[in-house]
Amino acid sequence: MRADAARNRRRIVVAARELFAERGLDVTLDDVAAHAGVGVGTVYRRFANRDELVEAVFVDHIREVTERIESDIADVGPWDALALLLNAVGEFVADDRGLATLLTSVDHSAPVLEEAKQAVSRLVEGVYGRAREAGVIRDELVETDFFGIVCMISAISEATESVAPGAWRRYMELLLDGIRADGPRVPLAVPALTAEQIQELDSRKHVRH
């Protein structure tokens, strides 16, 4: 892609991200073009429809989250890396409701998402693997539990942010305390979600929207 085309594409994605965060997904490509300061034809040359633009914005979110977390955990121990990972995801979801909207609206089977999702998976696997090997998390905790943790934090953030901004952090602290290896624990009565179940949930979300 030529440099000017790449710059225009970036302007379009940034503009769409701002509009999605402010107004939800109920915006048109014309709206995005106006906000980006480019012609409508420029937007349509880069993105055939709104779904393609939504996917591009979601990929941009994923890369930003991944890069920030990788930088934050570079020089910390296994437990601190896990806590930083979960808190960073919580911050992104809580501070930018556009991300939460995209998370439940994008087609998670879209090929354009695969590379970004694999990068996230590798990050989670690495942090989880270090924590497990160091013995700082409960034996019952598995990688797919992180999906549930993120969903819980997203839900409590959405429910409380208008009246108690940042309240999600209290529940993150409770969750972190619950997954530590040390201290007395109540046995987990329900098994963790499987990867197949999470994939099915993602598919249902896309169908609803």
N, C-alpha and C. Protein backbone atom coordinates (compact mmCIF):
# COMPACT_ATOMS: atom_id res chain seq x y z
N MET A 1 0.85 -1.19 0.00
CA MET A 1 0.00 0.00 0.00
C MET A 1 0.88 1.24 0.00
N ARG A 2 0.58 2.20 -0.88
CA ARG A 2 1.33 3.44 -0.92
C ARG A 2 1.21 4.19 0.40
N ALA A 3 2.21 5.04 0.66
CA ALA A 3 2.25 5.75 1.94
C ALA A 3 1.00 6.60 2.14
N ASP A 4 0.56 7.30 1.09
CA ASP A 4 -0.62 8.16 1.27
C ASP A 4 -1.88 7.33 1.47
N ALA A 5 -1.96 6.18 0.80
CA ALA A 5 -3.11 5.30 0.99
C ALA A 5 -3.12 4.73 2.40
N ALA A 6 -1.94 4.38 2.90
CA ALA A 6 -1.84 3.84 4.26
C ALA A 6 -2.24 4.90 5.28
N ARG A 7 -1.84 6.15 5.05
CA ARG A 7 -2.22 7.23 5.98
C ARG A 7 -3.72 7.44 5.97
N ASN A 8 -4.31 7.42 4.79
CA ASN A 8 -5.76 7.59 4.71
C ASN A 8 -6.49 6.46 5.41
N ARG A 9 -6.00 5.24 5.22
CA ARG A 9 -6.63 4.10 5.88
C ARG A 9 -6.57 4.27 7.40
N ARG A 10 -5.42 4.71 7.89
CA ARG A 10 -5.26 4.90 9.33
C ARG A 10 -6.20 5.99 9.83
N ARG A 11 -6.34 7.08 9.09
CA ARG A 11 -7.24 8.16 9.48
C ARG A 11 -8.68 7.66 9.55
N ILE A 12 -9.05 6.83 8.60
CA ILE A 12 -10.41 6.29 8.56
C ILE A 12 -10.67 5.39 9.77
N VAL A 13 -9.71 4.51 10.07
CA VAL A 13 -9.88 3.60 11.20
C VAL A 13 -9.96 4.38 12.51
N VAL A 14 -9.09 5.37 12.68
CA VAL A 14 -9.12 6.18 13.91
C VAL A 14 -10.44 6.93 14.03
N ALA A 15 -10.91 7.50 12.93
CA ALA A 15 -12.18 8.23 12.95
C ALA A 15 -13.33 7.30 13.30
N ALA A 16 -13.34 6.11 12.71
CA ALA A 16 -14.40 5.15 13.00
C ALA A 16 -14.36 4.73 14.46
N ARG A 17 -13.18 4.52 14.97
CA ARG A 17 -13.04 4.12 16.37
C ARG A 17 -13.61 5.20 17.29
N GLU A 18 -13.33 6.45 17.00
CA GLU A 18 -13.85 7.54 17.83
C GLU A 18 -15.38 7.61 17.75
N LEU A 19 -15.92 7.45 16.56
CA LEU A 19 -17.38 7.50 16.40
C LEU A 19 -18.05 6.31 17.07
N PHE A 20 -17.45 5.13 16.94
CA PHE A 20 -18.04 3.94 17.58
C PHE A 20 -18.06 4.12 19.09
N ALA A 21 -16.98 4.68 19.65
CA ALA A 21 -16.91 4.88 21.09
C ALA A 21 -17.93 5.89 21.57
N GLU A 22 -18.20 6.90 20.72
CA GLU A 22 -19.10 7.99 21.10
C GLU A 22 -20.56 7.64 20.84
N ARG A 23 -20.84 7.00 19.71
CA ARG A 23 -22.23 6.80 19.27
C ARG A 23 -22.63 5.35 19.09
N GLY A 24 -21.74 4.42 19.36
CA GLY A 24 -22.05 3.02 19.08
C GLY A 24 -21.82 2.73 17.60
N LEU A 25 -22.30 1.60 17.15
CA LEU A 25 -22.04 1.18 15.78
C LEU A 25 -23.03 1.75 14.77
N ASP A 26 -23.97 2.55 15.24
CA ASP A 26 -24.99 3.10 14.36
C ASP A 26 -24.48 4.34 13.63
N VAL A 27 -23.40 4.15 12.87
CA VAL A 27 -22.84 5.23 12.06
C VAL A 27 -22.65 4.69 10.64
N THR A 28 -22.65 5.58 9.68
CA THR A 28 -22.49 5.18 8.29
C THR A 28 -21.07 5.45 7.83
N LEU A 29 -20.71 4.90 6.67
CA LEU A 29 -19.40 5.18 6.10
C LEU A 29 -19.28 6.65 5.73
N ASP A 30 -20.41 7.28 5.38
CA ASP A 30 -20.41 8.72 5.11
C ASP A 30 -20.04 9.50 6.38
N ASP A 31 -20.60 9.08 7.52
CA ASP A 31 -20.26 9.72 8.79
C ASP A 31 -18.76 9.62 9.07
N VAL A 32 -18.23 8.44 8.83
CA VAL A 32 -16.81 8.19 9.09
C VAL A 32 -15.95 9.05 8.17
N ALA A 33 -16.33 9.14 6.90
CA ALA A 33 -15.57 9.95 5.95
C ALA A 33 -15.52 11.41 6.40
N ALA A 34 -16.66 11.94 6.82
CA ALA A 34 -16.72 13.33 7.27
C ALA A 34 -15.84 13.54 8.50
N HIS A 35 -15.90 12.59 9.44
CA HIS A 35 -15.11 12.71 10.67
C HIS A 35 -13.62 12.59 10.39
N ALA A 36 -13.27 11.79 9.40
CA ALA A 36 -11.86 11.59 9.05
C ALA A 36 -11.31 12.69 8.17
N GLY A 37 -12.21 13.47 7.58
CA GLY A 37 -11.78 14.53 6.69
C GLY A 37 -11.31 14.03 5.34
N VAL A 38 -11.91 12.93 4.87
CA VAL A 38 -11.57 12.38 3.56
C VAL A 38 -12.86 12.23 2.75
N GLY A 39 -12.70 12.02 1.46
CA GLY A 39 -13.87 11.83 0.63
C GLY A 39 -14.52 10.48 0.86
N VAL A 40 -15.81 10.40 0.58
CA VAL A 40 -16.54 9.14 0.76
C VAL A 40 -15.94 8.06 -0.13
N GLY A 41 -15.53 8.43 -1.33
CA GLY A 41 -14.92 7.46 -2.23
C GLY A 41 -13.67 6.84 -1.66
N THR A 42 -12.91 7.63 -0.90
CA THR A 42 -11.69 7.12 -0.27
C THR A 42 -12.02 6.02 0.73
N VAL A 43 -13.09 6.22 1.50
CA VAL A 43 -13.51 5.21 2.47
C VAL A 43 -13.94 3.93 1.75
N TYR A 44 -14.73 4.06 0.71
CA TYR A 44 -15.24 2.89 0.00
C TYR A 44 -14.14 2.15 -0.76
N ARG A 45 -13.05 2.85 -1.11
CA ARG A 45 -11.93 2.15 -1.74
C ARG A 45 -11.19 1.28 -0.73
N ARG A 46 -11.20 1.70 0.51
CA ARG A 46 -10.51 0.93 1.55
C ARG A 46 -11.39 -0.15 2.16
N PHE A 47 -12.71 0.14 2.28
CA PHE A 47 -13.64 -0.77 2.96
C PHE A 47 -14.92 -0.89 2.13
N ALA A 48 -15.25 -2.11 1.77
CA ALA A 48 -16.43 -2.33 0.92
C ALA A 48 -17.73 -2.05 1.65
N ASN A 49 -17.73 -2.23 2.98
CA ASN A 49 -18.95 -2.04 3.76
C ASN A 49 -18.57 -1.77 5.22
N ARG A 50 -19.58 -1.52 6.03
CA ARG A 50 -19.31 -1.18 7.43
C ARG A 50 -18.73 -2.36 8.20
N ASP A 51 -19.14 -3.58 7.85
CA ASP A 51 -18.60 -4.75 8.56
C ASP A 51 -17.09 -4.82 8.44
N GLU A 52 -16.58 -4.54 7.25
CA GLU A 52 -15.13 -4.57 7.05
C GLU A 52 -14.45 -3.50 7.91
N LEU A 53 -15.07 -2.35 8.03
CA LEU A 53 -14.51 -1.28 8.84
C LEU A 53 -14.56 -1.64 10.33
N VAL A 54 -15.65 -2.24 10.77
CA VAL A 54 -15.77 -2.69 12.16
C VAL A 54 -14.66 -3.68 12.48
N GLU A 55 -14.41 -4.61 11.58
CA GLU A 55 -13.35 -5.59 11.79
C GLU A 55 -11.99 -4.91 11.89
N ALA A 56 -11.75 -3.92 11.04
CA ALA A 56 -10.46 -3.21 11.06
C ALA A 56 -10.27 -2.46 12.38
N VAL A 57 -11.33 -1.85 12.87
CA VAL A 57 -11.25 -1.13 14.15
C VAL A 57 -11.01 -2.11 15.30
N PHE A 58 -11.66 -3.26 15.24
CA PHE A 58 -11.48 -4.26 16.28
C PHE A 58 -10.04 -4.78 16.30
N VAL A 59 -9.49 -5.03 15.11
CA VAL A 59 -8.10 -5.49 15.01
C VAL A 59 -7.18 -4.42 15.59
N ASP A 60 -7.46 -3.16 15.31
CA ASP A 60 -6.67 -2.06 15.85
C ASP A 60 -6.70 -2.07 17.37
N HIS A 61 -7.89 -2.28 17.94
CA HIS A 61 -8.03 -2.39 19.40
C HIS A 61 -7.18 -3.53 19.94
N ILE A 62 -7.31 -4.69 19.33
CA ILE A 62 -6.60 -5.87 19.82
C ILE A 62 -5.10 -5.64 19.82
N ARG A 63 -4.59 -5.08 18.74
CA ARG A 63 -3.14 -4.83 18.65
C ARG A 63 -2.68 -3.84 19.70
N GLU A 64 -3.48 -2.82 19.93
CA GLU A 64 -3.12 -1.82 20.94
C GLU A 64 -3.06 -2.45 22.33
N VAL A 65 -4.07 -3.24 22.66
CA VAL A 65 -4.10 -3.90 23.96
C VAL A 65 -2.90 -4.84 24.10
N THR A 66 -2.65 -5.62 23.07
CA THR A 66 -1.56 -6.60 23.13
C THR A 66 -0.21 -5.93 23.31
N GLU A 67 0.05 -4.89 22.53
CA GLU A 67 1.34 -4.20 22.60
C GLU A 67 1.55 -3.56 23.96
N ARG A 68 0.49 -2.97 24.50
CA ARG A 68 0.63 -2.33 25.81
C ARG A 68 0.93 -3.36 26.89
N ILE A 69 0.21 -4.46 26.87
CA ILE A 69 0.42 -5.48 27.90
C ILE A 69 1.81 -6.09 27.79
N GLU A 70 2.24 -6.38 26.58
CA GLU A 70 3.58 -6.95 26.39
C GLU A 70 4.65 -6.03 26.96
N SER A 71 4.47 -4.72 26.77
CA SER A 71 5.42 -3.76 27.32
C SER A 71 5.37 -3.74 28.84
N ASP A 72 4.16 -3.77 29.40
CA ASP A 72 3.99 -3.67 30.86
C ASP A 72 4.56 -4.88 31.60
N ILE A 73 4.46 -6.06 31.01
CA ILE A 73 4.85 -7.28 31.73
C ILE A 73 6.27 -7.74 31.43
N ALA A 74 6.98 -6.95 30.64
CA ALA A 74 8.30 -7.40 30.17
C ALA A 74 9.26 -7.73 31.31
N ASP A 75 9.21 -6.97 32.39
CA ASP A 75 10.22 -7.13 33.45
C ASP A 75 9.62 -7.40 34.82
N VAL A 76 8.49 -8.08 34.88
CA VAL A 76 7.86 -8.38 36.17
C VAL A 76 7.74 -9.88 36.37
N GLY A 77 7.45 -10.28 37.61
CA GLY A 77 7.32 -11.69 37.93
C GLY A 77 6.01 -12.28 37.46
N PRO A 78 5.84 -13.62 37.59
CA PRO A 78 4.66 -14.32 37.07
C PRO A 78 3.34 -13.80 37.61
N TRP A 79 3.24 -13.59 38.93
CA TRP A 79 1.96 -13.12 39.48
C TRP A 79 1.66 -11.70 39.05
N ASP A 80 2.66 -10.83 39.12
CA ASP A 80 2.45 -9.44 38.70
C ASP A 80 2.08 -9.36 37.22
N ALA A 81 2.67 -10.23 36.40
CA ALA A 81 2.34 -10.25 34.97
C ALA A 81 0.88 -10.61 34.76
N LEU A 82 0.39 -11.59 35.52
CA LEU A 82 -1.01 -12.00 35.41
C LEU A 82 -1.94 -10.87 35.86
N ALA A 83 -1.61 -10.24 36.98
CA ALA A 83 -2.44 -9.14 37.49
C ALA A 83 -2.44 -7.97 36.50
N LEU A 84 -1.29 -7.66 35.93
CA LEU A 84 -1.20 -6.58 34.95
C LEU A 84 -2.01 -6.91 33.70
N LEU A 85 -1.94 -8.15 33.25
CA LEU A 85 -2.71 -8.58 32.09
C LEU A 85 -4.19 -8.35 32.30
N LEU A 86 -4.72 -8.83 33.41
CA LEU A 86 -6.16 -8.73 33.66
C LEU A 86 -6.58 -7.29 33.90
N ASN A 87 -5.78 -6.52 34.62
CA ASN A 87 -6.13 -5.12 34.86
C ASN A 87 -6.05 -4.29 33.59
N ALA A 88 -5.10 -4.59 32.73
CA ALA A 88 -4.99 -3.84 31.47
C ALA A 88 -6.20 -4.09 30.59
N VAL A 89 -6.62 -5.35 30.52
CA VAL A 89 -7.82 -5.66 29.74
C VAL A 89 -9.04 -4.97 30.36
N GLY A 90 -9.12 -5.00 31.70
CA GLY A 90 -10.23 -4.34 32.38
C GLY A 90 -10.26 -2.85 32.08
N GLU A 91 -9.11 -2.20 32.06
CA GLU A 91 -9.05 -0.77 31.77
C GLU A 91 -9.53 -0.47 30.35
N PHE A 92 -9.07 -1.27 29.41
CA PHE A 92 -9.47 -1.02 28.02
C PHE A 92 -10.97 -1.21 27.84
N VAL A 93 -11.51 -2.25 28.45
CA VAL A 93 -12.94 -2.51 28.31
C VAL A 93 -13.76 -1.45 29.04
N ALA A 94 -13.31 -1.04 30.24
CA ALA A 94 -14.07 -0.07 31.03
C ALA A 94 -13.97 1.34 30.48
N ASP A 95 -12.77 1.72 30.03
CA ASP A 95 -12.56 3.10 29.60
C ASP A 95 -13.07 3.37 28.20
N ASP A 96 -13.21 2.35 27.39
CA ASP A 96 -13.67 2.54 26.02
C ASP A 96 -14.82 1.59 25.75
N ARG A 97 -16.04 2.09 25.92
CA ARG A 97 -17.20 1.24 25.72
C ARG A 97 -17.32 0.80 24.26
N GLY A 98 -16.65 1.53 23.38
CA GLY A 98 -16.65 1.11 21.98
C GLY A 98 -16.02 -0.26 21.81
N LEU A 99 -15.01 -0.56 22.63
CA LEU A 99 -14.37 -1.87 22.55
C LEU A 99 -15.33 -2.97 22.97
N ALA A 100 -16.08 -2.72 24.04
CA ALA A 100 -17.05 -3.72 24.49
C ALA A 100 -18.12 -3.96 23.43
N THR A 101 -18.55 -2.88 22.79
CA THR A 101 -19.55 -3.01 21.72
C THR A 101 -19.00 -3.83 20.57
N LEU A 102 -17.76 -3.54 20.18
CA LEU A 102 -17.14 -4.28 19.09
C LEU A 102 -16.99 -5.75 19.44
N LEU A 103 -16.61 -6.01 20.70
CA LEU A 103 -16.38 -7.37 21.14
C LEU A 103 -17.59 -8.25 20.94
N THR A 104 -18.78 -7.68 21.11
CA THR A 104 -20.01 -8.46 20.99
C THR A 104 -20.67 -8.32 19.62
N SER A 105 -20.05 -7.56 18.73
CA SER A 105 -20.68 -7.31 17.43
C SER A 105 -19.89 -7.85 16.25
N VAL A 106 -18.59 -7.95 16.40
CA VAL A 106 -17.76 -8.35 15.28
C VAL A 106 -17.91 -9.84 15.00
N ASP A 107 -17.71 -10.21 13.75
CA ASP A 107 -17.73 -11.63 13.35
C ASP A 107 -16.39 -12.24 13.73
N HIS A 108 -16.36 -13.00 14.81
CA HIS A 108 -15.10 -13.54 15.32
C HIS A 108 -14.50 -14.62 14.44
N SER A 109 -15.23 -15.06 13.42
CA SER A 109 -14.69 -16.05 12.49
C SER A 109 -14.04 -15.40 11.27
N ALA A 110 -14.08 -14.08 11.19
CA ALA A 110 -13.53 -13.36 10.03
C ALA A 110 -12.02 -13.61 9.94
N PRO A 111 -11.52 -13.97 8.77
CA PRO A 111 -10.09 -14.26 8.61
C PRO A 111 -9.19 -13.11 9.02
N VAL A 112 -9.63 -11.87 8.83
CA VAL A 112 -8.80 -10.71 9.15
C VAL A 112 -8.48 -10.65 10.64
N LEU A 113 -9.30 -11.29 11.47
CA LEU A 113 -9.07 -11.26 12.91
C LEU A 113 -8.11 -12.33 13.39
N GLU A 114 -7.84 -13.33 12.58
CA GLU A 114 -7.10 -14.49 13.05
C GLU A 114 -5.72 -14.13 13.57
N GLU A 115 -4.96 -13.34 12.82
CA GLU A 115 -3.60 -13.00 13.24
C GLU A 115 -3.60 -12.27 14.58
N ALA A 116 -4.49 -11.28 14.71
CA ALA A 116 -4.56 -10.51 15.95
C ALA A 116 -5.00 -11.39 17.11
N LYS A 117 -5.99 -12.26 16.88
CA LYS A 117 -6.47 -13.15 17.94
C LYS A 117 -5.39 -14.14 18.36
N GLN A 118 -4.62 -14.61 17.40
CA GLN A 118 -3.54 -15.54 17.73
C GLN A 118 -2.48 -14.86 18.59
N ALA A 119 -2.22 -13.58 18.32
CA ALA A 119 -1.26 -12.83 19.13
C ALA A 119 -1.76 -12.72 20.57
N VAL A 120 -3.06 -12.47 20.74
CA VAL A 120 -3.63 -12.41 22.08
C VAL A 120 -3.54 -13.77 22.76
N SER A 121 -3.85 -14.82 22.02
CA SER A 121 -3.79 -16.18 22.58
C SER A 121 -2.39 -16.51 23.05
N ARG A 122 -1.40 -16.15 22.23
CA ARG A 122 -0.01 -16.42 22.63
C ARG A 122 0.35 -15.65 23.89
N LEU A 123 -0.12 -14.41 23.98
CA LEU A 123 0.16 -13.60 25.16
C LEU A 123 -0.46 -14.23 26.41
N VAL A 124 -1.74 -14.59 26.32
CA VAL A 124 -2.42 -15.20 27.47
C VAL A 124 -1.77 -16.53 27.84
N GLU A 125 -1.46 -17.34 26.84
CA GLU A 125 -0.83 -18.62 27.10
C GLU A 125 0.52 -18.44 27.81
N GLY A 126 1.29 -17.44 27.36
CA GLY A 126 2.58 -17.19 27.98
C GLY A 126 2.46 -16.75 29.42
N VAL A 127 1.56 -15.82 29.68
CA VAL A 127 1.37 -15.31 31.05
C VAL A 127 0.80 -16.41 31.94
N TYR A 128 -0.19 -17.13 31.43
CA TYR A 128 -0.78 -18.23 32.20
C TYR A 128 0.25 -19.31 32.48
N GLY A 129 1.04 -19.66 31.45
CA GLY A 129 2.05 -20.70 31.61
C GLY A 129 3.07 -20.34 32.66
N ARG A 130 3.53 -19.09 32.66
CA ARG A 130 4.50 -18.65 33.67
C ARG A 130 3.90 -18.73 35.07
N ALA A 131 2.67 -18.27 35.21
CA ALA A 131 2.02 -18.27 36.52
C ALA A 131 1.80 -19.69 37.03
N ARG A 132 1.38 -20.56 36.12
CA ARG A 132 1.15 -21.95 36.52
C ARG A 132 2.44 -22.64 36.91
N GLU A 133 3.48 -22.44 36.11
CA GLU A 133 4.77 -23.07 36.40
C GLU A 133 5.34 -22.58 37.72
N ALA A 134 5.11 -21.29 38.03
CA ALA A 134 5.61 -20.72 39.28
C ALA A 134 4.75 -21.11 40.48
N GLY A 135 3.58 -21.72 40.22
CA GLY A 135 2.71 -22.15 41.31
C GLY A 135 2.00 -21.02 42.02
N VAL A 136 1.75 -19.91 41.32
CA VAL A 136 1.13 -18.76 41.99
C VAL A 136 -0.38 -18.69 41.75
N ILE A 137 -0.94 -19.61 40.96
CA ILE A 137 -2.38 -19.61 40.71
C ILE A 137 -2.95 -20.98 41.08
N ARG A 138 -4.25 -21.01 41.29
CA ARG A 138 -4.93 -22.26 41.65
C ARG A 138 -4.75 -23.31 40.57
N ASP A 139 -4.62 -24.56 41.01
CA ASP A 139 -4.44 -25.66 40.06
C ASP A 139 -5.60 -25.79 39.10
N GLU A 140 -6.82 -25.43 39.56
CA GLU A 140 -8.01 -25.61 38.73
C GLU A 140 -8.11 -24.58 37.59
N LEU A 141 -7.36 -23.49 37.70
CA LEU A 141 -7.48 -22.42 36.71
C LEU A 141 -6.90 -22.88 35.37
N VAL A 142 -7.68 -22.65 34.31
CA VAL A 142 -7.22 -22.99 32.96
C VAL A 142 -7.34 -21.74 32.08
N GLU A 143 -6.73 -21.79 30.90
CA GLU A 143 -6.67 -20.62 30.03
C GLU A 143 -8.05 -20.07 29.69
N THR A 144 -9.00 -20.95 29.43
CA THR A 144 -10.32 -20.49 29.01
C THR A 144 -11.06 -19.74 30.12
N ASP A 145 -10.61 -19.86 31.37
CA ASP A 145 -11.24 -19.10 32.45
C ASP A 145 -11.07 -17.59 32.24
N PHE A 146 -10.05 -17.18 31.49
CA PHE A 146 -9.83 -15.76 31.27
C PHE A 146 -10.97 -15.14 30.48
N PHE A 147 -11.59 -15.92 29.62
CA PHE A 147 -12.76 -15.43 28.88
C PHE A 147 -13.86 -15.02 29.86
N GLY A 148 -14.14 -15.88 30.84
CA GLY A 148 -15.17 -15.58 31.83
C GLY A 148 -14.81 -14.38 32.68
N ILE A 149 -13.54 -14.27 33.05
CA ILE A 149 -13.11 -13.15 33.88
C ILE A 149 -13.32 -11.83 33.14
N VAL A 150 -12.93 -11.78 31.87
CA VAL A 150 -13.10 -10.57 31.07
C VAL A 150 -14.58 -10.23 30.92
N CYS A 151 -15.42 -11.24 30.70
CA CYS A 151 -16.86 -11.01 30.58
C CYS A 151 -17.43 -10.43 31.87
N MET A 152 -17.00 -10.95 33.01
CA MET A 152 -17.50 -10.45 34.29
C MET A 152 -17.10 -9.00 34.51
N ILE A 153 -15.84 -8.69 34.23
CA ILE A 153 -15.37 -7.32 34.42
C ILE A 153 -16.08 -6.36 33.47
N SER A 154 -16.27 -6.80 32.24
CA SER A 154 -16.99 -5.97 31.27
C SER A 154 -18.41 -5.69 31.74
N ALA A 155 -19.07 -6.72 32.26
CA ALA A 155 -20.46 -6.58 32.70
C ALA A 155 -20.58 -5.64 33.90
N ILE A 156 -19.71 -5.81 34.89
CA ILE A 156 -19.80 -4.97 36.09
C ILE A 156 -19.41 -3.54 35.75
N SER A 157 -18.49 -3.37 34.82
CA SER A 157 -18.10 -2.02 34.41
C SER A 157 -19.26 -1.31 33.73
N GLU A 158 -19.93 -2.02 32.83
CA GLU A 158 -21.06 -1.42 32.11
C GLU A 158 -22.19 -1.06 33.07
N ALA A 159 -22.40 -1.91 34.10
CA ALA A 159 -23.50 -1.69 35.03
C ALA A 159 -23.24 -0.54 35.99
N THR A 160 -21.96 -0.24 36.30
CA THR A 160 -21.66 0.72 37.37
C THR A 160 -20.97 2.00 36.91
N GLU A 161 -20.46 2.04 35.68
CA GLU A 161 -19.59 3.14 35.29
C GLU A 161 -20.27 4.50 35.36
N SER A 162 -21.58 4.55 35.10
CA SER A 162 -22.26 5.85 35.09
C SER A 162 -22.42 6.44 36.49
N VAL A 163 -22.43 5.59 37.52
CA VAL A 163 -22.63 6.09 38.88
C VAL A 163 -21.40 5.90 39.77
N ALA A 164 -20.54 4.94 39.43
CA ALA A 164 -19.36 4.68 40.24
C ALA A 164 -18.20 4.30 39.33
N PRO A 165 -17.65 5.27 38.62
CA PRO A 165 -16.55 4.98 37.70
C PRO A 165 -15.39 4.27 38.41
N GLY A 166 -14.91 3.22 37.79
CA GLY A 166 -13.79 2.48 38.37
C GLY A 166 -14.18 1.42 39.36
N ALA A 167 -15.49 1.25 39.62
CA ALA A 167 -15.92 0.24 40.60
C ALA A 167 -15.49 -1.17 40.21
N TRP A 168 -15.28 -1.38 38.91
CA TRP A 168 -14.88 -2.70 38.43
C TRP A 168 -13.58 -3.16 39.09
N ARG A 169 -12.75 -2.21 39.52
CA ARG A 169 -11.46 -2.58 40.11
C ARG A 169 -11.64 -3.37 41.42
N ARG A 170 -12.69 -3.06 42.17
CA ARG A 170 -12.96 -3.82 43.41
C ARG A 170 -13.19 -5.28 43.07
N TYR A 171 -13.94 -5.52 42.03
CA TYR A 171 -14.28 -6.89 41.67
C TYR A 171 -13.11 -7.60 41.00
N MET A 172 -12.26 -6.83 40.35
CA MET A 172 -11.03 -7.42 39.83
C MET A 172 -10.15 -7.88 40.98
N GLU A 173 -10.09 -7.08 42.05
CA GLU A 173 -9.30 -7.47 43.21
C GLU A 173 -9.84 -8.75 43.83
N LEU A 174 -11.17 -8.86 43.91
CA LEU A 174 -11.78 -10.08 44.45
C LEU A 174 -11.47 -11.28 43.55
N LEU A 175 -11.52 -11.06 42.25
CA LEU A 175 -11.22 -12.14 41.31
C LEU A 175 -9.76 -12.58 41.43
N LEU A 176 -8.87 -11.60 41.52
CA LEU A 176 -7.45 -11.94 41.65
C LEU A 176 -7.20 -12.72 42.94
N ASP A 177 -7.86 -12.28 44.01
CA ASP A 177 -7.71 -13.01 45.27
C ASP A 177 -8.22 -14.43 45.14
N GLY A 178 -9.28 -14.59 44.33
CA GLY A 178 -9.87 -15.92 44.17
C GLY A 178 -9.05 -16.89 43.35
N ILE A 179 -8.14 -16.38 42.50
CA ILE A 179 -7.36 -17.29 41.66
C ILE A 179 -5.95 -17.51 42.18
N ARG A 180 -5.59 -16.83 43.27
CA ARG A 180 -4.26 -17.05 43.85
C ARG A 180 -4.14 -18.47 44.37
N ALA A 181 -2.92 -18.98 44.39
CA ALA A 181 -2.70 -20.35 44.86
C ALA A 181 -2.72 -20.44 46.37
N ASP A 182 -2.33 -19.37 47.09
CA ASP A 182 -2.21 -19.45 48.54
C ASP A 182 -3.53 -19.11 49.22
N GLY A 183 -3.69 -19.62 50.44
CA GLY A 183 -4.89 -19.33 51.22
C GLY A 183 -5.98 -20.36 51.03
N PRO A 184 -6.94 -20.45 51.99
CA PRO A 184 -8.05 -21.39 51.88
C PRO A 184 -8.97 -21.02 50.73
N ARG A 185 -9.49 -22.04 50.07
CA ARG A 185 -10.34 -21.78 48.91
C ARG A 185 -11.57 -22.67 48.93
N VAL A 186 -12.68 -22.14 48.42
CA VAL A 186 -13.89 -22.93 48.23
C VAL A 186 -13.73 -23.70 46.92
N PRO A 187 -13.96 -25.02 46.92
CA PRO A 187 -13.81 -25.79 45.68
C PRO A 187 -14.73 -25.26 44.59
N LEU A 188 -14.26 -25.26 43.37
CA LEU A 188 -15.06 -24.80 42.24
C LEU A 188 -16.02 -25.90 41.82
N ALA A 189 -17.31 -25.59 41.86
CA ALA A 189 -18.34 -26.60 41.60
C ALA A 189 -18.64 -26.77 40.11
N VAL A 190 -18.31 -25.76 39.31
CA VAL A 190 -18.64 -25.77 37.88
C VAL A 190 -17.35 -25.81 37.07
N PRO A 191 -17.28 -26.68 36.07
CA PRO A 191 -16.06 -26.76 35.25
C PRO A 191 -15.87 -25.51 34.41
N ALA A 192 -14.65 -25.27 33.97
CA ALA A 192 -14.34 -24.13 33.11
C ALA A 192 -14.99 -24.32 31.75
N LEU A 193 -15.27 -23.21 31.08
CA LEU A 193 -15.77 -23.28 29.71
C LEU A 193 -14.72 -23.92 28.80
N THR A 194 -15.17 -24.65 27.82
CA THR A 194 -14.26 -25.20 26.83
C THR A 194 -14.07 -24.19 25.70
N ALA A 195 -13.02 -24.38 24.92
CA ALA A 195 -12.79 -23.49 23.78
C ALA A 195 -13.96 -23.56 22.81
N GLU A 196 -14.56 -24.74 22.64
CA GLU A 196 -15.69 -24.91 21.75
C GLU A 196 -16.91 -24.12 22.24
N GLN A 197 -17.13 -24.11 23.54
CA GLN A 197 -18.25 -23.37 24.10
C GLN A 197 -18.06 -21.86 23.91
N ILE A 198 -16.84 -21.38 24.08
CA ILE A 198 -16.56 -19.96 23.88
C ILE A 198 -16.77 -19.58 22.42
N GLN A 199 -16.34 -20.45 21.52
CA GLN A 199 -16.55 -20.19 20.09
C GLN A 199 -18.03 -20.11 19.76
N GLU A 200 -18.83 -20.99 20.38
CA GLU A 200 -20.27 -20.97 20.15
C GLU A 200 -20.89 -19.69 20.68
N LEU A 201 -20.42 -19.22 21.86
CA LEU A 201 -20.93 -17.96 22.41
C LEU A 201 -20.60 -16.79 21.49
N ASP A 202 -19.39 -16.78 20.96
CA ASP A 202 -18.99 -15.73 20.03
C ASP A 202 -19.91 -15.72 18.82
N SER A 203 -20.23 -16.93 18.31
CA SER A 203 -21.09 -17.03 17.12
C SER A 203 -22.48 -16.52 17.42
N ARG A 204 -23.01 -16.83 18.59
CA ARG A 204 -24.35 -16.38 18.97
C ARG A 204 -24.41 -14.87 19.09
N LYS A 205 -23.36 -14.25 19.65
CA LYS A 205 -23.31 -12.80 19.78
C LYS A 205 -23.39 -12.15 18.40
N HIS A 206 -22.66 -12.71 17.46
CA HIS A 206 -22.65 -12.12 16.12
C HIS A 206 -24.02 -12.24 15.47
N VAL A 207 -24.69 -13.38 15.68
CA VAL A 207 -26.02 -13.57 15.10
C VAL A 207 -27.02 -12.57 15.68
N ARG A 208 -26.94 -12.31 17.00
CA ARG A 208 -27.85 -11.37 17.64
C ARG A 208 -27.70 -9.96 17.09
N HIS A 209 -26.47 -9.59 16.74
CA HIS A 209 -26.25 -8.22 16.28
C HIS A 209 -26.34 -8.11 14.76
